[in-house]
Amino acid sequence: MPLLQRLTLPGDGTPQALVVVPTRELCVQVSQDLENAGKHLGVRIASIYGGRPYESQIKALRQGVDVVIGTPGRLLDLAEQQHLVLGKVATLVLDEADEMLDLGFLPDIERILRMVPDERQTMLFSATMPGPILTLARTFLHQPTHIRAEDTEAGAVHERTTQFVYRSHSLDKPELVAKVLQAENRGLTMIFTRTKRTAQKVADDLTERGFAAAAVHGDLGQGAREQALRAFRSGKVDVLVATDVAARGIDVDDVTHVINYQTPEDEKTYVHRIGRTGRAGKTGVAITLVDWDEIPRWKLISDELGLDKPEPVETYSTSPHLFTDLGIPESATGRLPLSKRTRAGLAAEDEEDFGGKRRRSRGRGDGRGETPRRRSRQRRRTRGGREITPATQAESAERGDDSSTDTTRPRRRRTRGGTSHTPTAEHVAPADKEESGTDSGERPTRRRRRRTRGAASGNPTSTTDAVAEAD
């Protein structure tokens, strides 16, 4: 809000404020929030991030903008190409600064800071303020003021989030998660994994079990990632499986459960993950599944945050305390009943590819009752290098050529010396001719020998046709 109030409107089209975010999903969210807040002020906002065509973003900058929100890589690309001018930026915002530091964006941030004027207001936001972030603030900010938007007595983990920690085997985790997703009063659920491959595997497994699940990770295209987040926000899918790329700053209402499918790397990641639930005064449930080899890592997280849960309870998908803790019905199974299944998967919708054109994403169908793979292809029939059309058939009929009415395709035959043997009368050897050829001295023809089931050769299993060439 202060950023919008400090703008000089109407501007000359040169950016007056710059917001730097670490992830593409956060860039889209911040842009939408600023557009909603400044729609009555006439503020022009541009989103600059990777995975999208350059053309549309360059066009928006040429038309003039007041606020630019972007990721470091794409911002530097357009600034070095002279499409993005940062000489009049009066307000600079670094959002999720600790994440940008962990991802190795510090050199890019330093280059961006050298492009903006020295006389500016700089705001640095982060849910956690470790030592390196405070050092970064003192380095790039002039007389910074540290503001905490929470109670001084409050800890890193809010009390409104009920936390459960279970020691679970990796082979039993899919079954256990399927039971948890059938808990009473469960709304939107986010499942976090450490690796991209695990995220996709869990999403596919849940879809096969009947749950409406989608995945968000780095191996997906930007269009697919945005589509999954839109479907999750709108309720088309109620389970979102994601890596830590979605744990930073993504604000989705009514997330009731968060499941840590794999133990986070550190306590900061744990705080950001479970912070997706229990927001804005609401309550939530956070479930962490700790494998046997992850127990030392979890002990460090528990000791750092003061959770007093260093020893997870050994739990399986059939453990009675799992059903009691989470309110899971006794009749819950590893698959969602057919009567309760929701539409799994995402609907086909228009996306924008890297060429700037609109295309239809492949779904289960194209709206015409058929899939792209089953759609028949129209083949052209030719004879003698000419395409067979009704006009050519009529012309051949006038010449008395009865073969023009035959629209069947000839059977493909083997060739000898580049000459194709077509099924005409001159290539069929009469029965009384010898094997070596015909009376006119033509090239010897091939005899076709067909093996039938139960032939005299004693091979009753041979059912294929063979073409043998005469010696």
Protein backbone atom coordinates (compact mmCIF):
# COMPACT_ATOMS: atom_id res chain seq x y z
CA MET A 1 0.00 0.00 0.00
CA PRO A 2 2.76 2.54 0.71
CA LEU A 3 4.26 1.66 -2.66
CA LEU A 4 1.06 2.63 -4.47
CA GLN A 5 0.67 5.83 -2.44
CA ARG A 6 4.16 7.04 -3.33
CA LEU A 7 3.57 6.83 -7.09
CA THR A 8 3.26 9.99 -9.17
CA LEU A 9 0.21 9.49 -11.40
CA PRO A 10 -0.12 9.81 -14.26
CA GLY A 11 3.48 8.89 -14.98
CA ASP A 12 5.54 9.18 -18.13
CA GLY A 13 5.65 5.41 -18.69
CA THR A 14 9.00 4.82 -16.96
CA PRO A 15 8.83 2.42 -13.98
CA GLN A 16 8.67 4.21 -10.63
CA ALA A 17 8.64 1.09 -8.43
CA LEU A 18 10.34 -2.30 -8.74
CA VAL A 19 9.39 -5.47 -6.86
CA VAL A 20 11.83 -8.39 -7.02
CA VAL A 21 10.53 -11.86 -6.10
CA PRO A 22 12.29 -15.26 -6.16
CA THR A 23 9.67 -17.43 -7.94
CA ARG A 24 7.36 -17.09 -10.92
CA GLU A 25 4.28 -18.11 -8.95
CA LEU A 26 4.92 -15.40 -6.38
CA CYS A 27 5.38 -12.87 -9.21
CA VAL A 28 1.94 -13.68 -10.58
CA GLN A 29 0.35 -13.44 -7.14
CA VAL A 30 1.94 -10.10 -6.23
CA SER A 31 0.98 -8.66 -9.61
CA GLN A 32 -2.63 -9.69 -9.13
CA ASP A 33 -2.74 -8.21 -5.63
CA LEU A 34 -1.31 -4.88 -6.81
CA GLU A 35 -3.72 -4.78 -9.73
CA ASN A 36 -6.67 -5.30 -7.38
CA ALA A 37 -5.41 -2.64 -4.96
CA GLY A 38 -4.60 -0.05 -7.61
CA LYS A 39 -7.36 -0.61 -10.17
CA HIS A 40 -9.13 2.63 -9.16
CA LEU A 41 -5.89 4.62 -9.27
CA GLY A 42 -5.08 3.86 -12.89
CA VAL A 43 -1.78 2.17 -12.03
CA ARG A 44 -0.09 0.34 -14.91
CA ILE A 45 1.55 -2.89 -13.76
CA ALA A 46 3.76 -5.31 -15.69
CA SER A 47 4.83 -8.85 -14.73
CA ILE A 48 8.32 -9.84 -15.88
CA TYR A 49 9.29 -13.47 -15.31
CA GLY A 50 10.76 -16.42 -17.15
CA GLY A 51 8.93 -19.21 -18.92
CA ARG A 52 6.86 -16.74 -20.96
CA PRO A 53 7.54 -15.09 -24.33
CA TYR A 54 9.66 -11.96 -24.40
CA GLU A 55 7.43 -10.27 -26.97
CA SER A 56 4.39 -9.66 -24.77
CA GLN A 57 6.51 -8.38 -21.88
CA ILE A 58 8.51 -6.04 -24.12
CA LYS A 59 5.27 -4.73 -25.61
CA ALA A 60 3.91 -3.94 -22.14
CA LEU A 61 7.09 -2.04 -21.23
CA ARG A 62 6.95 -0.01 -24.44
CA GLN A 63 3.36 0.99 -23.76
CA GLY A 64 4.43 2.40 -20.39
CA VAL A 65 4.23 1.03 -16.86
CA ASP A 66 4.36 2.44 -13.35
CA VAL A 67 5.19 -0.71 -11.33
CA VAL A 68 7.27 -3.70 -12.45
CA ILE A 69 7.18 -7.05 -10.63
CA GLY A 70 9.65 -9.69 -11.77
CA THR A 71 12.19 -12.39 -11.08
CA PRO A 72 15.89 -11.46 -11.09
CA GLY A 73 16.91 -13.36 -14.24
CA ARG A 74 14.30 -11.94 -16.61
CA LEU A 75 14.64 -8.45 -15.13
CA LEU A 76 18.37 -8.42 -15.88
CA ASP A 77 17.81 -9.75 -19.40
CA LEU A 78 15.39 -6.97 -20.34
CA ALA A 79 17.45 -4.32 -18.55
CA GLU A 80 20.61 -5.28 -20.44
CA GLN A 81 18.64 -5.19 -23.71
CA GLN A 82 17.55 -1.60 -22.91
CA HIS A 83 13.87 -2.58 -22.82
CA LEU A 84 13.60 -2.02 -19.04
CA VAL A 85 14.75 1.36 -17.76
CA LEU A 86 15.42 1.50 -14.00
CA GLY A 87 16.82 5.03 -13.80
CA LYS A 88 13.64 6.50 -12.23
CA VAL A 89 12.84 3.80 -9.69
CA ALA A 90 11.99 5.52 -6.40
CA THR A 91 10.80 2.43 -4.49
CA LEU A 92 12.53 -0.96 -4.46
CA VAL A 93 11.03 -4.05 -2.79
CA LEU A 94 12.89 -7.32 -2.15
CA ASP A 95 10.29 -9.95 -1.31
CA GLU A 96 11.23 -13.26 0.34
CA ALA A 97 14.80 -12.07 0.64
CA ASP A 98 16.01 -15.14 2.50
CA GLU A 99 14.79 -17.41 -0.29
CA MET A 100 16.58 -15.34 -2.92
CA LEU A 101 19.74 -15.62 -0.86
CA ASP A 102 19.37 -19.41 -0.58
CA LEU A 103 18.73 -19.77 -4.32
CA GLY A 104 21.92 -17.92 -5.19
CA PHE A 105 20.29 -14.70 -6.43
CA LEU A 106 22.59 -12.46 -4.42
CA PRO A 107 24.87 -11.54 -7.40
CA ASP A 108 21.80 -10.71 -9.49
CA ILE A 109 20.36 -8.58 -6.70
CA GLU A 110 23.62 -6.66 -6.44
CA ARG A 111 23.56 -5.96 -10.20
CA ILE A 112 19.98 -4.72 -9.97
CA LEU A 113 20.85 -2.46 -7.04
CA ARG A 114 23.60 -0.84 -9.14
CA MET A 115 21.04 -0.03 -11.87
CA VAL A 116 18.56 1.81 -9.64
CA PRO A 117 19.17 5.34 -8.24
CA ASP A 118 20.86 5.73 -4.87
CA GLU A 119 18.07 8.02 -3.66
CA ARG A 120 15.26 5.55 -3.17
CA GLN A 121 13.17 3.78 -0.54
CA THR A 122 14.09 0.11 -0.13
CA MET A 123 11.83 -2.41 1.60
CA LEU A 124 12.96 -5.95 2.39
CA PHE A 125 10.36 -8.57 3.35
CA SER A 126 10.92 -12.03 4.81
CA ALA A 127 9.00 -14.36 7.10
CA THR A 128 12.24 -15.31 8.82
CA MET A 129 15.17 -13.01 9.56
CA PRO A 130 18.32 -15.09 9.97
CA GLY A 131 21.77 -13.58 10.40
CA PRO A 132 22.74 -13.43 6.70
CA ILE A 133 19.54 -11.52 5.88
CA LEU A 134 20.23 -8.94 8.57
CA THR A 135 23.74 -8.56 7.19
CA LEU A 136 22.29 -8.09 3.70
CA ALA A 137 19.94 -5.41 5.03
CA ARG A 138 22.71 -3.49 6.74
CA THR A 139 24.82 -3.68 3.57
CA PHE A 140 22.31 -2.36 1.05
CA LEU A 141 19.94 -0.32 3.20
CA HIS A 142 20.71 3.03 4.81
CA GLN A 143 19.81 3.10 8.50
CA PRO A 144 17.30 0.24 8.21
CA THR A 145 14.40 -0.14 10.64
CA HIS A 146 13.42 -3.68 11.64
CA ILE A 147 9.63 -4.06 11.83
CA ARG A 148 7.96 -7.24 13.10
CA ALA A 149 4.36 -7.71 11.94
CA GLU A 150 3.51 -10.06 14.83
CA ASP A 151 3.46 -10.21 18.58
CA THR A 152 6.83 -10.10 20.23
CA GLU A 153 5.89 -13.15 22.30
CA ALA A 154 4.76 -15.16 19.30
CA GLY A 155 6.97 -17.94 18.06
CA ALA A 156 7.82 -18.93 14.53
CA VAL A 157 5.04 -21.54 14.46
CA HIS A 158 1.54 -20.26 15.27
CA GLU A 159 -0.51 -22.02 17.88
CA ARG A 160 -3.54 -22.14 15.59
CA THR A 161 -1.84 -24.89 13.56
CA THR A 162 -2.12 -28.35 15.11
CA GLN A 163 1.01 -30.34 14.35
CA PHE A 164 1.36 -34.12 14.07
CA VAL A 165 4.65 -35.92 13.47
CA TYR A 166 4.67 -39.58 12.44
CA ARG A 167 7.53 -41.92 11.71
CA SER A 168 6.46 -43.64 8.51
CA HIS A 169 8.11 -46.01 6.07
CA SER A 170 8.52 -44.76 2.51
CA LEU A 171 6.65 -47.76 1.06
CA ASP A 172 3.62 -47.09 3.26
CA LYS A 173 3.48 -43.32 2.76
CA PRO A 174 1.16 -43.39 -0.31
CA GLU A 175 -1.39 -45.51 1.55
CA LEU A 176 -1.10 -43.36 4.67
CA VAL A 177 -1.60 -40.13 2.72
CA ALA A 178 -4.68 -41.61 1.03
CA LYS A 179 -6.14 -42.28 4.48
CA VAL A 180 -5.33 -38.75 5.69
CA LEU A 181 -7.08 -37.21 2.68
CA GLN A 182 -10.31 -38.88 3.81
CA ALA A 183 -10.29 -37.11 7.17
CA GLU A 184 -13.40 -35.28 8.29
CA ASN A 185 -13.68 -31.54 7.58
CA ARG A 186 -10.75 -31.66 5.16
CA GLY A 187 -10.67 -28.83 2.67
CA LEU A 188 -7.89 -27.80 0.33
CA THR A 189 -4.70 -29.73 1.04
CA MET A 190 -1.09 -29.08 0.12
CA ILE A 191 1.52 -31.87 0.06
CA PHE A 192 5.19 -30.88 0.01
CA THR A 193 8.10 -32.98 -1.24
CA ARG A 194 11.81 -32.32 -1.53
CA THR A 195 12.30 -33.53 -5.12
CA LYS A 196 10.47 -32.87 -8.37
CA ARG A 197 10.26 -36.54 -9.28
CA THR A 198 8.61 -37.41 -5.96
CA ALA A 199 6.06 -34.62 -6.39
CA GLN A 200 4.96 -35.90 -9.79
CA LYS A 201 4.90 -39.50 -8.58
CA VAL A 202 2.70 -38.67 -5.59
CA ALA A 203 0.30 -36.62 -7.74
CA ASP A 204 -0.05 -39.44 -10.27
CA ASP A 205 -0.61 -41.99 -7.51
CA LEU A 206 -3.34 -39.90 -5.89
CA THR A 207 -5.04 -39.37 -9.23
CA GLU A 208 -5.16 -43.13 -9.79
CA ARG A 209 -6.70 -43.54 -6.34
CA GLY A 210 -9.55 -41.19 -7.28
CA PHE A 211 -8.42 -37.90 -5.75
CA ALA A 212 -8.44 -34.64 -7.70
CA ALA A 213 -4.72 -33.83 -7.46
CA ALA A 214 -2.32 -31.62 -9.40
CA ALA A 215 1.45 -31.09 -9.26
CA VAL A 216 3.61 -27.96 -9.27
CA HIS A 217 7.36 -28.37 -9.68
CA GLY A 218 10.26 -27.14 -11.77
CA ASP A 219 10.04 -29.80 -14.50
CA LEU A 220 6.62 -28.56 -15.59
CA GLY A 221 6.21 -25.75 -18.08
CA GLN A 222 5.15 -22.37 -16.80
CA GLY A 223 1.72 -22.71 -18.37
CA ALA A 224 1.09 -26.02 -16.63
CA ARG A 225 2.24 -24.62 -13.28
CA GLU A 226 -0.06 -21.61 -13.51
CA GLN A 227 -2.92 -23.81 -14.65
CA ALA A 228 -2.49 -26.11 -11.63
CA LEU A 229 -2.48 -23.17 -9.21
CA ARG A 230 -5.59 -21.67 -10.83
CA ALA A 231 -7.37 -25.01 -10.56
CA PHE A 232 -6.35 -25.32 -6.91
CA ARG A 233 -7.54 -21.81 -6.04
CA SER A 234 -10.87 -22.34 -7.82
CA GLY A 235 -11.44 -25.75 -6.19
CA LYS A 236 -11.28 -27.86 -9.36
CA VAL A 237 -8.56 -29.84 -7.62
CA ASP A 238 -8.40 -30.02 -3.85
CA VAL A 239 -4.93 -31.58 -3.48
CA LEU A 240 -1.81 -29.75 -4.65
CA VAL A 241 1.49 -31.64 -4.58
CA ALA A 242 4.42 -29.27 -4.82
CA THR A 243 8.06 -28.77 -4.09
CA ASP A 244 9.22 -25.84 -1.97
CA VAL A 245 8.68 -23.53 -4.95
CA ALA A 246 5.04 -23.22 -3.79
CA ALA A 247 5.90 -22.79 -0.10
CA ARG A 248 7.08 -19.21 -0.54
CA GLY A 249 4.44 -16.52 -0.39
CA ILE A 250 1.67 -18.43 -2.19
CA ASP A 251 -1.56 -17.33 -0.51
CA VAL A 252 -4.53 -19.67 -1.03
CA ASP A 253 -7.62 -19.37 1.13
CA ASP A 254 -9.15 -22.27 3.05
CA VAL A 255 -6.11 -24.57 3.09
CA THR A 256 -7.01 -26.85 5.99
CA HIS A 257 -4.25 -29.48 5.84
CA VAL A 258 -0.54 -29.42 5.01
CA ILE A 259 1.34 -32.70 4.63
CA ASN A 260 5.12 -32.85 4.63
CA TYR A 261 5.59 -35.99 2.56
CA GLN A 262 9.34 -35.67 3.10
CA THR A 263 11.06 -33.94 6.00
CA PRO A 264 12.11 -30.36 5.16
CA GLU A 265 15.75 -29.48 4.79
CA ASP A 266 15.79 -27.03 7.72
CA GLU A 267 13.58 -25.22 10.18
CA LYS A 268 12.98 -22.25 7.86
CA THR A 269 11.52 -24.47 5.18
CA TYR A 270 9.34 -26.16 7.77
CA VAL A 271 7.94 -22.81 8.93
CA HIS A 272 7.17 -21.72 5.37
CA ARG A 273 5.52 -25.03 4.51
CA ILE A 274 3.11 -25.24 7.43
CA GLY A 275 2.47 -21.51 7.12
CA ARG A 276 0.20 -22.22 4.16
CA THR A 277 -2.52 -23.21 6.67
CA GLY A 278 -3.79 -21.51 9.82
CA ARG A 279 -3.70 -18.10 8.15
CA ALA A 280 -5.78 -15.00 8.94
CA GLY A 281 -7.10 -16.33 12.24
CA LYS A 282 -8.14 -19.73 10.88
CA THR A 283 -7.07 -23.10 12.20
CA GLY A 284 -5.15 -25.75 10.32
CA VAL A 285 -3.50 -29.15 10.58
CA ALA A 286 0.13 -29.86 9.71
CA ILE A 287 1.28 -33.48 9.31
CA THR A 288 4.94 -34.41 8.92
CA LEU A 289 5.99 -37.90 7.80
CA VAL A 290 9.51 -38.76 8.94
CA ASP A 291 11.29 -41.74 7.45
CA TRP A 292 13.85 -43.69 9.45
CA ASP A 293 16.82 -42.03 7.75
CA GLU A 294 15.29 -38.56 8.28
CA ILE A 295 15.12 -38.74 12.08
CA PRO A 296 18.39 -36.80 12.69
CA ARG A 297 17.22 -33.97 10.43
CA TRP A 298 13.88 -33.80 12.19
CA LYS A 299 15.56 -33.65 15.62
CA LEU A 300 17.48 -30.56 14.53
CA ILE A 301 14.25 -28.90 13.33
CA SER A 302 12.41 -29.77 16.53
CA ASP A 303 15.21 -28.47 18.76
CA GLU A 304 15.63 -25.24 16.76
CA LEU A 305 11.91 -24.39 16.86
CA GLY A 306 11.27 -25.74 20.34
CA LEU A 307 8.55 -28.13 19.22
CA ASP A 308 9.35 -30.69 21.91
CA LYS A 309 8.73 -33.56 19.47
CA PRO A 310 12.15 -35.10 18.89
CA GLU A 311 10.90 -38.71 18.69
CA PRO A 312 8.12 -39.24 16.12
CA VAL A 313 5.54 -41.91 16.84
CA GLU A 314 5.94 -45.00 14.66
CA THR A 315 2.83 -44.99 12.46
CA TYR A 316 1.44 -47.08 9.63
CA SER A 317 -1.63 -46.68 7.48
CA THR A 318 -3.46 -49.14 9.76
CA SER A 319 -2.41 -47.62 13.10
CA PRO A 320 -5.43 -46.86 15.33
CA HIS A 321 -4.01 -43.57 16.64
CA LEU A 322 -3.82 -42.21 13.06
CA PHE A 323 -7.59 -42.53 12.69
CA THR A 324 -8.17 -41.05 16.15
CA ASP A 325 -5.83 -38.06 15.78
CA LEU A 326 -7.09 -36.87 12.41
CA GLY A 327 -10.73 -37.92 12.58
CA ILE A 328 -10.51 -40.48 9.80
CA PRO A 329 -13.54 -42.78 9.43
CA GLU A 330 -12.92 -46.43 10.17
CA SER A 331 -14.28 -47.32 6.75
CA ALA A 332 -11.59 -45.28 4.94
CA THR A 333 -9.57 -47.27 2.43
CA GLY A 334 -6.59 -46.60 0.22
CA ARG A 335 -8.85 -45.48 -2.62
CA LEU A 336 -11.58 -42.90 -2.68
CA PRO A 337 -15.05 -44.50 -3.11
CA LEU A 338 -16.66 -44.01 -6.50
CA SER A 339 -19.52 -42.06 -4.96
CA LYS A 340 -17.12 -39.48 -3.51
CA ARG A 341 -14.70 -39.15 -6.36
CA THR A 342 -14.26 -35.75 -7.93
CA ARG A 343 -13.06 -34.96 -11.39
CA ALA A 344 -9.36 -35.75 -11.40
CA GLY A 345 -7.06 -33.90 -13.73
CA LEU A 346 -7.18 -30.46 -15.31
CA ALA A 347 -9.48 -29.35 -18.06
CA ALA A 348 -8.06 -28.42 -21.42
CA GLU A 349 -7.77 -24.67 -21.76
CA ASP A 350 -5.96 -22.15 -23.89
CA GLU A 351 -2.34 -21.46 -23.06
CA GLU A 352 0.29 -19.21 -24.51
CA ASP A 353 3.33 -20.97 -25.90
CA PHE A 354 6.84 -19.64 -26.30
CA GLY A 355 6.03 -18.24 -29.73
CA GLY A 356 3.37 -15.93 -28.41
CA LYS A 357 0.52 -17.84 -30.13
CA ARG A 358 -2.54 -19.33 -28.55
CA ARG A 359 -2.81 -23.07 -28.50
CA ARG A 360 -5.06 -25.61 -26.87
CA SER A 361 -3.46 -27.72 -24.21
CA ARG A 362 -3.99 -31.43 -24.56
CA GLY A 363 -6.55 -32.82 -22.17
CA ARG A 364 -8.65 -35.93 -22.21
CA GLY A 365 -10.62 -34.65 -25.17
CA ASP A 366 -11.07 -31.68 -27.44
CA GLY A 367 -14.75 -31.15 -26.85
CA ARG A 368 -15.83 -33.19 -29.87
CA GLY A 369 -15.95 -36.60 -28.23
CA GLU A 370 -12.60 -37.82 -29.47
CA THR A 371 -8.97 -37.63 -28.48
CA PRO A 372 -6.24 -36.18 -30.72
CA ARG A 373 -4.55 -39.55 -31.02
CA ARG A 374 -7.69 -41.30 -32.23
CA ARG A 375 -8.60 -38.65 -34.72
CA SER A 376 -8.48 -40.16 -38.17
CA ARG A 377 -6.29 -38.63 -40.82
CA GLN A 378 -7.51 -38.06 -44.34
CA ARG A 379 -5.19 -39.64 -46.87
CA ARG A 380 -5.01 -38.69 -50.51
CA ARG A 381 -5.44 -41.46 -53.05
CA THR A 382 -3.30 -41.18 -56.16
CA ARG A 383 -2.89 -43.14 -59.35
CA GLY A 384 -0.05 -42.49 -61.73
CA GLY A 385 1.01 -39.35 -59.86
CA ARG A 386 -2.48 -37.80 -60.08
CA GLU A 387 -4.83 -37.32 -57.18
CA ILE A 388 -8.07 -39.29 -57.43
CA THR A 389 -11.01 -36.91 -57.21
CA PRO A 390 -14.62 -37.20 -58.44
CA ALA A 391 -13.62 -35.18 -61.52
CA THR A 392 -10.77 -37.53 -62.43
CA GLN A 393 -13.02 -40.55 -61.89
CA ALA A 394 -15.63 -39.12 -64.26
CA GLU A 395 -12.96 -38.38 -66.85
CA SER A 396 -11.67 -41.93 -66.64
CA ALA A 397 -15.19 -43.32 -66.97
CA GLU A 398 -15.70 -41.41 -70.23
CA ARG A 399 -12.53 -43.03 -71.62
CA GLY A 400 -13.92 -46.43 -70.68
CA ASP A 401 -11.43 -47.05 -67.88
CA ASP A 402 -13.40 -49.09 -65.38
CA SER A 403 -10.51 -49.14 -62.92
CA SER A 404 -11.22 -45.52 -61.99
CA THR A 405 -14.18 -46.62 -59.94
CA ASP A 406 -11.99 -48.84 -57.82
CA THR A 407 -11.19 -46.76 -54.79
CA THR A 408 -9.51 -49.46 -52.75
CA ARG A 409 -5.85 -49.06 -52.02
CA PRO A 410 -3.59 -51.73 -53.57
CA ARG A 411 -1.79 -54.06 -51.27
CA ARG A 412 1.81 -53.10 -50.73
CA ARG A 413 4.19 -55.57 -52.35
CA ARG A 414 7.86 -56.08 -52.23
CA THR A 415 10.00 -54.69 -55.01
CA ARG A 416 12.94 -56.11 -56.90
CA GLY A 417 15.49 -53.75 -58.38
CA GLY A 418 13.37 -50.71 -57.57
CA THR A 419 10.41 -51.96 -59.70
CA SER A 420 7.11 -52.27 -57.88
CA HIS A 421 4.92 -55.27 -58.69
CA THR A 422 1.36 -54.01 -58.95
CA PRO A 423 -1.60 -56.40 -59.04
CA THR A 424 -2.21 -56.26 -62.81
CA ALA A 425 -2.87 -59.10 -65.20
CA GLU A 426 0.57 -59.03 -66.85
CA HIS A 427 2.34 -59.79 -63.58
CA VAL A 428 0.22 -62.85 -62.73
CA ALA A 429 1.86 -66.00 -64.02
CA PRO A 430 -0.53 -68.55 -65.54
CA ALA A 431 -0.74 -71.90 -63.88
CA ASP A 432 0.77 -73.76 -66.88
CA LYS A 433 3.85 -71.49 -67.08
CA GLU A 434 7.14 -72.59 -65.63
CA GLU A 435 8.61 -71.13 -62.49
CA SER A 436 11.52 -69.58 -64.34
CA GLY A 437 9.41 -66.97 -66.17
CA THR A 438 6.97 -66.40 -69.08
CA ASP A 439 7.10 -67.04 -72.83
CA SER A 440 7.72 -63.38 -73.61
CA GLY A 441 11.04 -63.33 -71.80
CA GLU A 442 9.82 -61.27 -68.89
CA ARG A 443 11.60 -61.17 -65.59
CA PRO A 444 10.81 -64.26 -63.50
CA THR A 445 7.96 -63.72 -61.13
CA ARG A 446 7.80 -64.69 -57.51
CA ARG A 447 5.59 -67.40 -56.24
CA ARG A 448 3.58 -66.71 -53.18
CA ARG A 449 3.41 -69.56 -50.74
CA ARG A 450 0.97 -69.41 -47.88
CA ARG A 451 1.40 -71.38 -44.73
CA THR A 452 -1.84 -72.42 -43.15
CA ARG A 453 -2.62 -73.73 -39.71
CA GLY A 454 -2.25 -77.45 -39.50
CA ALA A 455 -0.26 -77.77 -42.73
CA ALA A 456 1.42 -80.97 -43.78
CA SER A 457 4.76 -79.62 -42.54
CA GLY A 458 3.68 -80.46 -39.02
CA ASN A 459 3.98 -76.88 -37.75
CA PRO A 460 0.49 -76.14 -36.41
CA THR A 461 1.56 -72.88 -34.74
CA SER A 462 2.60 -71.06 -37.89
CA THR A 463 -0.18 -68.57 -38.64
CA THR A 464 1.70 -65.85 -40.49
CA ASP A 465 1.91 -65.31 -44.22
CA ALA A 466 5.33 -65.64 -45.82
CA VAL A 467 6.56 -64.56 -49.25
CA ALA A 468 9.36 -66.78 -50.57
CA GLU A 469 11.43 -66.02 -53.60
CA ALA A 470 12.08 -68.88 -56.02
CA ASP A 471 15.63 -70.02 -56.49
